[in-house]
PDB file of all heavy atoms in Angstrom:
ATOM      1  N   ILE A   1       0.879  -1.168  -0.019  1.00  0.00           N
ATOM      2  CA  ILE A   1       0.008  -0.001  -0.019  1.00  0.00           C
ATOM      3  C   ILE A   1       0.913   1.213  -0.037  1.00  0.00           C
ATOM      4  O   ILE A   1       1.769   1.388   0.854  1.00  0.00           O
ATOM      5  CB  ILE A   1      -0.891  -0.029   1.186  1.00  0.00           C
ATOM      6  CG1 ILE A   1      -1.915  -1.222   1.128  1.00  0.00           C
ATOM      7  CG2 ILE A   1      -1.699   1.286   1.338  1.00  0.00           C
ATOM      8  CD1 ILE A   1      -2.797  -1.463   2.340  1.00  0.00           C
ATOM      9  N   ARG A   2       0.651   2.129  -0.971  1.00  0.00           N
ATOM     10  CA  ARG A   2       1.502   3.314  -1.136  1.00  0.00           C
ATOM     11  C   ARG A   2       0.888   4.460  -0.260  1.00  0.00           C
ATOM     12  O   ARG A   2       1.611   5.183   0.409  1.00  0.00           O
ATOM     13  CB  ARG A   2       1.579   3.755  -2.570  1.00  0.00           C
ATOM     14  CG  ARG A   2       2.396   2.732  -3.411  1.00  0.00           C
ATOM     15  CD  ARG A   2       2.476   3.134  -4.849  1.00  0.00           C
ATOM     16  NE  ARG A   2       2.803   4.532  -5.048  1.00  0.00           N
ATOM     17  CZ  ARG A   2       4.066   4.913  -5.389  1.00  0.00           C
ATOM     18  NH1 ARG A   2       4.988   4.051  -5.467  1.00  0.00           N
ATOM     19  NH2 ARG A   2       4.353   6.240  -5.501  1.00  0.00           N
ATOM     20  N   SER A   3      -0.409   4.660  -0.367  1.00  0.00           N
ATOM     21  CA  SER A   3      -1.057   5.718   0.402  1.00  0.00           C
ATOM     22  C   SER A   3      -2.525   5.317   0.643  1.00  0.00           C
ATOM     23  O   SER A   3      -3.093   4.526  -0.096  1.00  0.00           O
ATOM     24  CB  SER A   3      -0.985   7.054  -0.363  1.00  0.00           C
ATOM     25  OG  SER A   3      -1.748   7.001  -1.517  1.00  0.00           O
ATOM     26  N   ARG A   4      -3.119   5.962   1.669  1.00  0.00           N
ATOM     27  CA  ARG A   4      -4.526   5.614   2.019  1.00  0.00           C
ATOM     28  C   ARG A   4      -5.128   6.779   2.793  1.00  0.00           C
ATOM     29  O   ARG A   4      -4.511   7.296   3.703  1.00  0.00           O
ATOM     30  CB  ARG A   4      -4.575   4.329   2.781  1.00  0.00           C
ATOM     31  CG  ARG A   4      -5.963   3.912   3.077  1.00  0.00           C
ATOM     32  CD  ARG A   4      -6.006   2.686   4.024  1.00  0.00           C
ATOM     33  NE  ARG A   4      -7.297   2.083   4.085  1.00  0.00           N
ATOM     34  CZ  ARG A   4      -8.287   2.507   4.933  1.00  0.00           C
ATOM     35  NH1 ARG A   4      -8.064   3.594   5.628  1.00  0.00           N
ATOM     36  NH2 ARG A   4      -9.440   1.878   4.979  1.00  0.00           N
ATOM     37  N   THR A   5      -6.367   7.079   2.428  1.00  0.00           N
ATOM     38  CA  THR A   5      -7.184   7.972   3.225  1.00  0.00           C
ATOM     39  C   THR A   5      -8.468   7.222   3.565  1.00  0.00           C
ATOM     40  O   THR A   5      -8.574   6.079   3.294  1.00  0.00           O
ATOM     41  CB  THR A   5      -7.503   9.269   2.474  1.00  0.00           C
ATOM     42  OG1 THR A   5      -8.378   9.013   1.386  1.00  0.00           O
ATOM     43  CG2 THR A   5      -6.267   9.964   2.035  1.00  0.00           C
ATOM     44  N   ASP A   6      -9.463   7.969   4.111  1.00  0.00           N
ATOM     45  CA  ASP A   6     -10.734   7.281   4.460  1.00  0.00           C
ATOM     46  C   ASP A   6     -11.578   6.958   3.197  1.00  0.00           C
ATOM     47  O   ASP A   6     -12.443   6.145   3.254  1.00  0.00           O
ATOM     48  CB  ASP A   6     -11.559   8.195   5.385  1.00  0.00           C
ATOM     49  CG  ASP A   6     -11.003   8.211   6.784  1.00  0.00           C
ATOM     50  OD1 ASP A   6     -10.183   7.324   7.135  1.00  0.00           O
ATOM     51  OD2 ASP A   6     -11.369   9.144   7.538  1.00  0.00           O
ATOM     52  N   THR A   7     -11.284   7.648   2.122  1.00  0.00           N
ATOM     53  CA  THR A   7     -12.088   7.455   0.896  1.00  0.00           C
ATOM     54  C   THR A   7     -11.342   6.956  -0.359  1.00  0.00           C
ATOM     55  O   THR A   7     -11.947   6.651  -1.351  1.00  0.00           O
ATOM     56  CB  THR A   7     -12.793   8.778   0.502  1.00  0.00           C
ATOM     57  OG1 THR A   7     -11.757   9.794   0.268  1.00  0.00           O
ATOM     58  CG2 THR A   7     -13.734   9.249   1.604  1.00  0.00           C
ATOM     59  N   GLU A   8     -10.039   6.910  -0.299  1.00  0.00           N
ATOM     60  CA  GLU A   8      -9.253   6.406  -1.441  1.00  0.00           C
ATOM     61  C   GLU A   8      -7.877   5.925  -1.024  1.00  0.00           C
ATOM     62  O   GLU A   8      -7.427   6.313   0.089  1.00  0.00           O
ATOM     63  CB  GLU A   8      -9.163   7.439  -2.522  1.00  0.00           C
ATOM     64  CG  GLU A   8      -8.374   8.690  -2.112  1.00  0.00           C
ATOM     65  CD  GLU A   8      -8.364   9.727  -3.263  1.00  0.00           C
ATOM     66  OE1 GLU A   8      -9.409   9.927  -3.929  1.00  0.00           O
ATOM     67  OE2 GLU A   8      -7.229  10.292  -3.495  1.00  0.00           O
ATOM     68  N   GLY A   9      -7.201   5.209  -1.860  1.00  0.00           N
ATOM     69  CA  GLY A   9      -5.900   4.797  -1.642  1.00  0.00           C
ATOM     70  C   GLY A   9      -5.260   4.307  -2.868  1.00  0.00           C
ATOM     71  O   GLY A   9      -5.873   4.082  -3.925  1.00  0.00           O
ATOM     72  N   THR A  10      -3.878   4.131  -2.774  1.00  0.00           N
ATOM     73  CA  THR A  10      -3.084   3.664  -3.949  1.00  0.00           C
ATOM     74  C   THR A  10      -2.287   2.500  -3.475  1.00  0.00           C
ATOM     75  O   THR A  10      -1.685   2.533  -2.356  1.00  0.00           O
ATOM     76  CB  THR A  10      -2.186   4.765  -4.453  1.00  0.00           C
ATOM     77  OG1 THR A  10      -3.019   5.903  -4.779  1.00  0.00           O
ATOM     78  CG2 THR A  10      -1.477   4.308  -5.773  1.00  0.00           C
ATOM     79  N   CYS A  11      -2.164   1.466  -4.298  1.00  0.00           N
ATOM     80  CA  CYS A  11      -1.387   0.321  -3.984  1.00  0.00           C
ATOM     81  C   CYS A  11      -0.574  -0.121  -5.152  1.00  0.00           C
ATOM     82  O   CYS A  11      -0.929   0.269  -6.314  1.00  0.00           O
ATOM     83  CB  CYS A  11      -2.187  -0.820  -3.329  1.00  0.00           C
ATOM     84  SG  CYS A  11      -3.261  -1.665  -4.549  1.00  0.00           S
ATOM     85  N   THR A  12       0.449  -0.913  -4.917  1.00  0.00           N
ATOM     86  CA  THR A  12       1.318  -1.484  -6.009  1.00  0.00           C
ATOM     87  C   THR A  12       0.974  -2.928  -6.114  1.00  0.00           C
ATOM     88  O   THR A  12       1.030  -3.654  -5.134  1.00  0.00           O
ATOM     89  CB  THR A  12       2.755  -1.208  -5.635  1.00  0.00           C
ATOM     90  OG1 THR A  12       3.012   0.172  -5.463  1.00  0.00           O
ATOM     91  CG2 THR A  12       3.661  -1.715  -6.803  1.00  0.00           C
ATOM     92  N   THR A  13       0.680  -3.331  -7.338  1.00  0.00           N
ATOM     93  CA  THR A  13       0.400  -4.795  -7.616  1.00  0.00           C
ATOM     94  C   THR A  13       1.702  -5.524  -7.615  1.00  0.00           C
ATOM     95  O   THR A  13       2.806  -4.948  -7.666  1.00  0.00           O
ATOM     96  CB  THR A  13      -0.329  -4.986  -8.908  1.00  0.00           C
ATOM     97  OG1 THR A  13       0.507  -4.527  -9.959  1.00  0.00           O
ATOM     98  CG2 THR A  13      -1.638  -4.218  -8.931  1.00  0.00           C
ATOM     99  N   LYS A  14       1.595  -6.864  -7.628  1.00  0.00           N
ATOM    100  CA  LYS A  14       2.780  -7.680  -7.713  1.00  0.00           C
ATOM    101  C   LYS A  14       3.597  -7.502  -8.976  1.00  0.00           C
ATOM    102  O   LYS A  14       4.817  -7.712  -9.008  1.00  0.00           O
ATOM    103  CB  LYS A  14       2.377  -9.166  -7.526  1.00  0.00           C
ATOM    104  CG  LYS A  14       1.798  -9.435  -6.147  1.00  0.00           C
ATOM    105  CD  LYS A  14       1.178 -10.836  -6.053  1.00  0.00           C
ATOM    106  CE  LYS A  14       0.491 -10.981  -4.798  1.00  0.00           C
ATOM    107  NZ  LYS A  14      -0.301 -12.202  -4.740  1.00  0.00           N
ATOM    108  N   SER A  15       2.912  -7.038 -10.014  1.00  0.00           N
ATOM    109  CA  SER A  15       3.644  -6.782 -11.287  1.00  0.00           C
ATOM    110  C   SER A  15       4.247  -5.408 -11.329  1.00  0.00           C
ATOM    111  O   SER A  15       4.907  -5.021 -12.297  1.00  0.00           O
ATOM    112  CB  SER A  15       2.659  -6.941 -12.457  1.00  0.00           C
ATOM    113  OG  SER A  15       1.615  -6.023 -12.373  1.00  0.00           O
ATOM    114  N   GLY A  16       4.039  -4.588 -10.262  1.00  0.00           N
ATOM    115  CA  GLY A  16       4.664  -3.253 -10.219  1.00  0.00           C
ATOM    116  C   GLY A  16       3.751  -2.096 -10.665  1.00  0.00           C
ATOM    117  O   GLY A  16       4.212  -0.936 -10.587  1.00  0.00           O
ATOM    118  N   ASN A  17       2.562  -2.384 -11.090  1.00  0.00           N
ATOM    119  CA  ASN A  17       1.627  -1.318 -11.464  1.00  0.00           C
ATOM    120  C   ASN A  17       1.025  -0.719 -10.266  1.00  0.00           C
ATOM    121  O   ASN A  17       0.692  -1.395  -9.261  1.00  0.00           O
ATOM    122  CB  ASN A  17       0.507  -1.901 -12.357  1.00  0.00           C
ATOM    123  CG  ASN A  17       1.017  -2.441 -13.666  1.00  0.00           C
ATOM    124  OD1 ASN A  17       1.989  -1.866 -14.213  1.00  0.00           O
ATOM    125  ND2 ASN A  17       0.423  -3.462 -14.170  1.00  0.00           N
ATOM    126  N   ASN A  18       0.784   0.620 -10.319  1.00  0.00           N
ATOM    127  CA  ASN A  18       0.087   1.353  -9.224  1.00  0.00           C
ATOM    128  C   ASN A  18      -1.399   1.419  -9.614  1.00  0.00           C
ATOM    129  O   ASN A  18      -1.715   1.807 -10.721  1.00  0.00           O
ATOM    130  CB  ASN A  18       0.629   2.716  -9.009  1.00  0.00           C
ATOM    131  CG  ASN A  18       2.020   2.669  -8.457  1.00  0.00           C
ATOM    132  OD1 ASN A  18       2.326   1.829  -7.609  1.00  0.00           O
ATOM    133  ND2 ASN A  18       2.920   3.575  -8.881  1.00  0.00           N
ATOM    134  N   ILE A  19      -2.307   1.123  -8.686  1.00  0.00           N
ATOM    135  CA  ILE A  19      -3.712   1.243  -8.980  1.00  0.00           C
ATOM    136  C   ILE A  19      -4.330   2.097  -7.843  1.00  0.00           C
ATOM    137  O   ILE A  19      -3.856   2.065  -6.661  1.00  0.00           O
ATOM    138  CB  ILE A  19      -4.395  -0.139  -9.071  1.00  0.00           C
ATOM    139  CG1 ILE A  19      -4.249  -0.939  -7.819  1.00  0.00           C
ATOM    140  CG2 ILE A  19      -3.933  -0.927 -10.306  1.00  0.00           C
ATOM    141  CD1 ILE A  19      -5.108  -2.238  -7.808  1.00  0.00           C
ATOM    142  N   LYS A  20      -5.361   2.804  -8.237  1.00  0.00           N
ATOM    143  CA  LYS A  20      -6.097   3.658  -7.263  1.00  0.00           C
ATOM    144  C   LYS A  20      -7.374   2.985  -6.939  1.00  0.00           C
ATOM    145  O   LYS A  20      -8.112   2.447  -7.792  1.00  0.00           O
ATOM    146  CB  LYS A  20      -6.356   5.016  -7.888  1.00  0.00           C
ATOM    147  CG  LYS A  20      -7.033   6.025  -6.939  1.00  0.00           C
ATOM    148  CD  LYS A  20      -7.217   7.400  -7.636  1.00  0.00           C
ATOM    149  CE  LYS A  20      -7.894   8.305  -6.659  1.00  0.00           C
ATOM    150  NZ  LYS A  20      -8.173   9.588  -7.293  1.00  0.00           N
ATOM    151  N   ILE A  21      -7.673   2.929  -5.634  1.00  0.00           N
ATOM    152  CA  ILE A  21      -8.880   2.307  -5.098  1.00  0.00           C
ATOM    153  C   ILE A  21      -9.677   3.373  -4.394  1.00  0.00           C
ATOM    154  O   ILE A  21      -9.158   4.148  -3.608  1.00  0.00           O
ATOM    155  CB  ILE A  21      -8.561   1.151  -4.128  1.00  0.00           C
ATOM    156  CG1 ILE A  21      -7.650   0.090  -4.806  1.00  0.00           C
ATOM    157  CG2 ILE A  21      -9.754   0.532  -3.454  1.00  0.00           C
ATOM    158  CD1 ILE A  21      -7.129  -0.951  -3.897  1.00  0.00           C
ATOM    159  N   VAL A  22     -10.992   3.376  -4.633  1.00  0.00           N
ATOM    160  CA  VAL A  22     -11.837   4.462  -4.121  1.00  0.00           C
ATOM    161  C   VAL A  22     -13.049   3.898  -3.414  1.00  0.00           C
ATOM    162  O   VAL A  22     -13.457   2.746  -3.691  1.00  0.00           O
ATOM    163  CB  VAL A  22     -12.311   5.426  -5.214  1.00  0.00           C
ATOM    164  CG1 VAL A  22     -11.203   6.212  -5.829  1.00  0.00           C
ATOM    165  CG2 VAL A  22     -13.108   4.702  -6.273  1.00  0.00           C
ATOM    166  N   LYS A  23     -13.598   4.609  -2.468  1.00  0.00           N
ATOM    167  CA  LYS A  23     -14.756   4.142  -1.681  1.00  0.00           C
ATOM    168  C   LYS A  23     -15.995   4.827  -2.202  1.00  0.00           C
ATOM    169  O   LYS A  23     -16.019   6.052  -2.437  1.00  0.00           O
ATOM    170  CB  LYS A  23     -14.566   4.573  -0.206  1.00  0.00           C
ATOM    171  CG  LYS A  23     -15.570   3.912   0.709  1.00  0.00           C
ATOM    172  CD  LYS A  23     -15.222   4.267   2.206  1.00  0.00           C
ATOM    173  CE  LYS A  23     -16.102   3.496   3.147  1.00  0.00           C
ATOM    174  NZ  LYS A  23     -15.717   3.806   4.543  1.00  0.00           N
ATOM    175  N   LEU A  24     -17.031   3.984  -2.420  1.00  0.00           N
ATOM    176  CA  LEU A  24     -18.304   4.549  -2.944  1.00  0.00           C
ATOM    177  C   LEU A  24     -19.372   3.745  -2.210  1.00  0.00           C
ATOM    178  O   LEU A  24     -19.438   2.468  -2.204  1.00  0.00           O
ATOM    179  CB  LEU A  24     -18.467   4.308  -4.437  1.00  0.00           C
ATOM    180  CG  LEU A  24     -19.791   4.651  -5.049  1.00  0.00           C
ATOM    181  CD1 LEU A  24     -20.050   6.170  -5.030  1.00  0.00           C
ATOM    182  CD2 LEU A  24     -19.854   4.147  -6.459  1.00  0.00           C
ATOM    183  N   ASN A  25     -20.227   4.425  -1.547  1.00  0.00           N
ATOM    184  CA  ASN A  25     -21.408   3.783  -0.770  1.00  0.00           C
ATOM    185  C   ASN A  25     -20.879   2.697   0.144  1.00  0.00           C
ATOM    186  O   ASN A  25     -21.419   1.596   0.203  1.00  0.00           O
ATOM    187  CB  ASN A  25     -22.422   3.195  -1.775  1.00  0.00           C
ATOM    188  CG  ASN A  25     -23.067   4.269  -2.623  1.00  0.00           C
ATOM    189  OD1 ASN A  25     -23.206   5.396  -2.191  1.00  0.00           O
ATOM    190  ND2 ASN A  25     -23.385   3.865  -3.855  1.00  0.00           N
ATOM    191  N   ASN A  26     -19.839   2.982   0.926  1.00  0.00           N
ATOM    192  CA  ASN A  26     -19.252   2.120   1.906  1.00  0.00           C
ATOM    193  C   ASN A  26     -18.689   0.802   1.328  1.00  0.00           C
ATOM    194  O   ASN A  26     -18.518  -0.161   2.032  1.00  0.00           O
ATOM    195  CB  ASN A  26     -20.261   1.758   3.019  1.00  0.00           C
ATOM    196  CG  ASN A  26     -20.199   2.784   4.115  1.00  0.00           C
ATOM    197  OD1 ASN A  26     -19.308   3.563   4.241  1.00  0.00           O
ATOM    198  ND2 ASN A  26     -21.289   2.782   4.881  1.00  0.00           N
ATOM    199  N   GLN A  27     -18.321   0.812   0.061  1.00  0.00           N
ATOM    200  CA  GLN A  27     -17.649  -0.308  -0.544  1.00  0.00           C
ATOM    201  C   GLN A  27     -16.496   0.209  -1.390  1.00  0.00           C
ATOM    202  O   GLN A  27     -16.474   1.367  -1.913  1.00  0.00           O
ATOM    203  CB  GLN A  27     -18.634  -1.095  -1.496  1.00  0.00           C
ATOM    204  CG  GLN A  27     -19.673  -1.867  -0.678  1.00  0.00           C
ATOM    205  CD  GLN A  27     -20.465  -2.782  -1.604  1.00  0.00           C
ATOM    206  OE1 GLN A  27     -20.692  -2.492  -2.734  1.00  0.00           O
ATOM    207  NE2 GLN A  27     -20.858  -3.904  -1.013  1.00  0.00           N
ATOM    208  N   TRP A  28     -15.452  -0.604  -1.464  1.00  0.00           N
ATOM    209  CA  TRP A  28     -14.181  -0.193  -2.234  1.00  0.00           C
ATOM    210  C   TRP A  28     -14.241  -0.764  -3.628  1.00  0.00           C
ATOM    211  O   TRP A  28     -14.617  -1.911  -3.832  1.00  0.00           O
ATOM    212  CB  TRP A  28     -13.036  -0.658  -1.428  1.00  0.00           C
ATOM    213  CG  TRP A  28     -12.884  -0.002  -0.109  1.00  0.00           C
ATOM    214  CD1 TRP A  28     -13.427  -0.334   1.144  1.00  0.00           C
ATOM    215  CD2 TRP A  28     -12.223   1.183   0.118  1.00  0.00           C
ATOM    216  NE1 TRP A  28     -13.117   0.531   2.030  1.00  0.00           N
ATOM    217  CE2 TRP A  28     -12.365   1.544   1.520  1.00  0.00           C
ATOM    218  CE3 TRP A  28     -11.482   2.062  -0.653  1.00  0.00           C
ATOM    219  CZ2 TRP A  28     -11.849   2.684   2.061  1.00  0.00           C
ATOM    220  CZ3 TRP A  28     -10.938   3.251  -0.061  1.00  0.00           C
ATOM    221  CH2 TRP A  28     -11.117   3.498   1.223  1.00  0.00           C
ATOM    222  N   TYR A  29     -13.743   0.054  -4.573  1.00  0.00           N
ATOM    223  CA  TYR A  29     -13.704  -0.319  -5.991  1.00  0.00           C
ATOM    224  C   TYR A  29     -12.461   0.212  -6.643  1.00  0.00           C
ATOM    225  O   TYR A  29     -11.829   1.173  -6.152  1.00  0.00           O
ATOM    226  CB  TYR A  29     -14.918   0.317  -6.743  1.00  0.00           C
ATOM    227  CG  TYR A  29     -16.238  -0.171  -6.260  1.00  0.00           C
ATOM    228  CD1 TYR A  29     -16.964   0.588  -5.355  1.00  0.00           C
ATOM    229  CD2 TYR A  29     -16.776  -1.323  -6.755  1.00  0.00           C
ATOM    230  CE1 TYR A  29     -18.195   0.162  -4.927  1.00  0.00           C
ATOM    231  CE2 TYR A  29     -18.065  -1.773  -6.382  1.00  0.00           C
ATOM    232  CZ  TYR A  29     -18.722  -1.029  -5.433  1.00  0.00           C
ATOM    233  OH  TYR A  29     -19.992  -1.452  -4.986  1.00  0.00           O
ATOM    234  N   LEU A  30     -12.062  -0.380  -7.703  1.00  0.00           N
ATOM    235  CA  LEU A  30     -10.988   0.121  -8.557  1.00  0.00           C
ATOM    236  C   LEU A  30     -11.490   1.379  -9.181  1.00  0.00           C
ATOM    237  O   LEU A  30     -12.606   1.433  -9.737  1.00  0.00           O
ATOM    238  CB  LEU A  30     -10.609  -0.896  -9.616  1.00  0.00           C
ATOM    239  CG  LEU A  30      -9.497  -0.572 -10.578  1.00  0.00           C
ATOM    240  CD1 LEU A  30      -8.175  -0.505  -9.766  1.00  0.00           C
ATOM    241  CD2 LEU A  30      -9.372  -1.670 -11.574  1.00  0.00           C
ATOM    242  N   ASP A  31     -10.706   2.455  -9.121  1.00  0.00           N
ATOM    243  CA  ASP A  31     -11.118   3.753  -9.768  1.00  0.00           C
ATOM    244  C   ASP A  31     -11.254   3.532 -11.252  1.00  0.00           C
ATOM    245  O   ASP A  31     -10.427   2.975 -11.907  1.00  0.00           O
ATOM    246  CB  ASP A  31     -10.020   4.824  -9.469  1.00  0.00           C
ATOM    247  CG  ASP A  31     -10.477   6.179  -9.844  1.00  0.00           C
ATOM    248  OD1 ASP A  31     -11.710   6.453  -9.809  1.00  0.00           O
ATOM    249  OD2 ASP A  31      -9.604   6.995 -10.255  1.00  0.00           O
ATOM    250  N   GLY A  32     -12.397   3.982 -11.782  1.00  0.00           N
ATOM    251  CA  GLY A  32     -12.662   3.801 -13.196  1.00  0.00           C
ATOM    252  C   GLY A  32     -13.477   2.513 -13.427  1.00  0.00           C
ATOM    253  O   GLY A  32     -13.925   2.331 -14.576  1.00  0.00           O
TER     254      GLY A  32
END
C-alpha cells in the first residue's frame, strides 16, 4: 500500500503497477 485516506488509496500490484482504489457507498472499488 502506497497511500491511503478514508475514501481512497493507492497500492502497488505484484507486477509493479500502481492502482487507485476508491470508496463508494461504503464499498471499495478500482477507480474507473
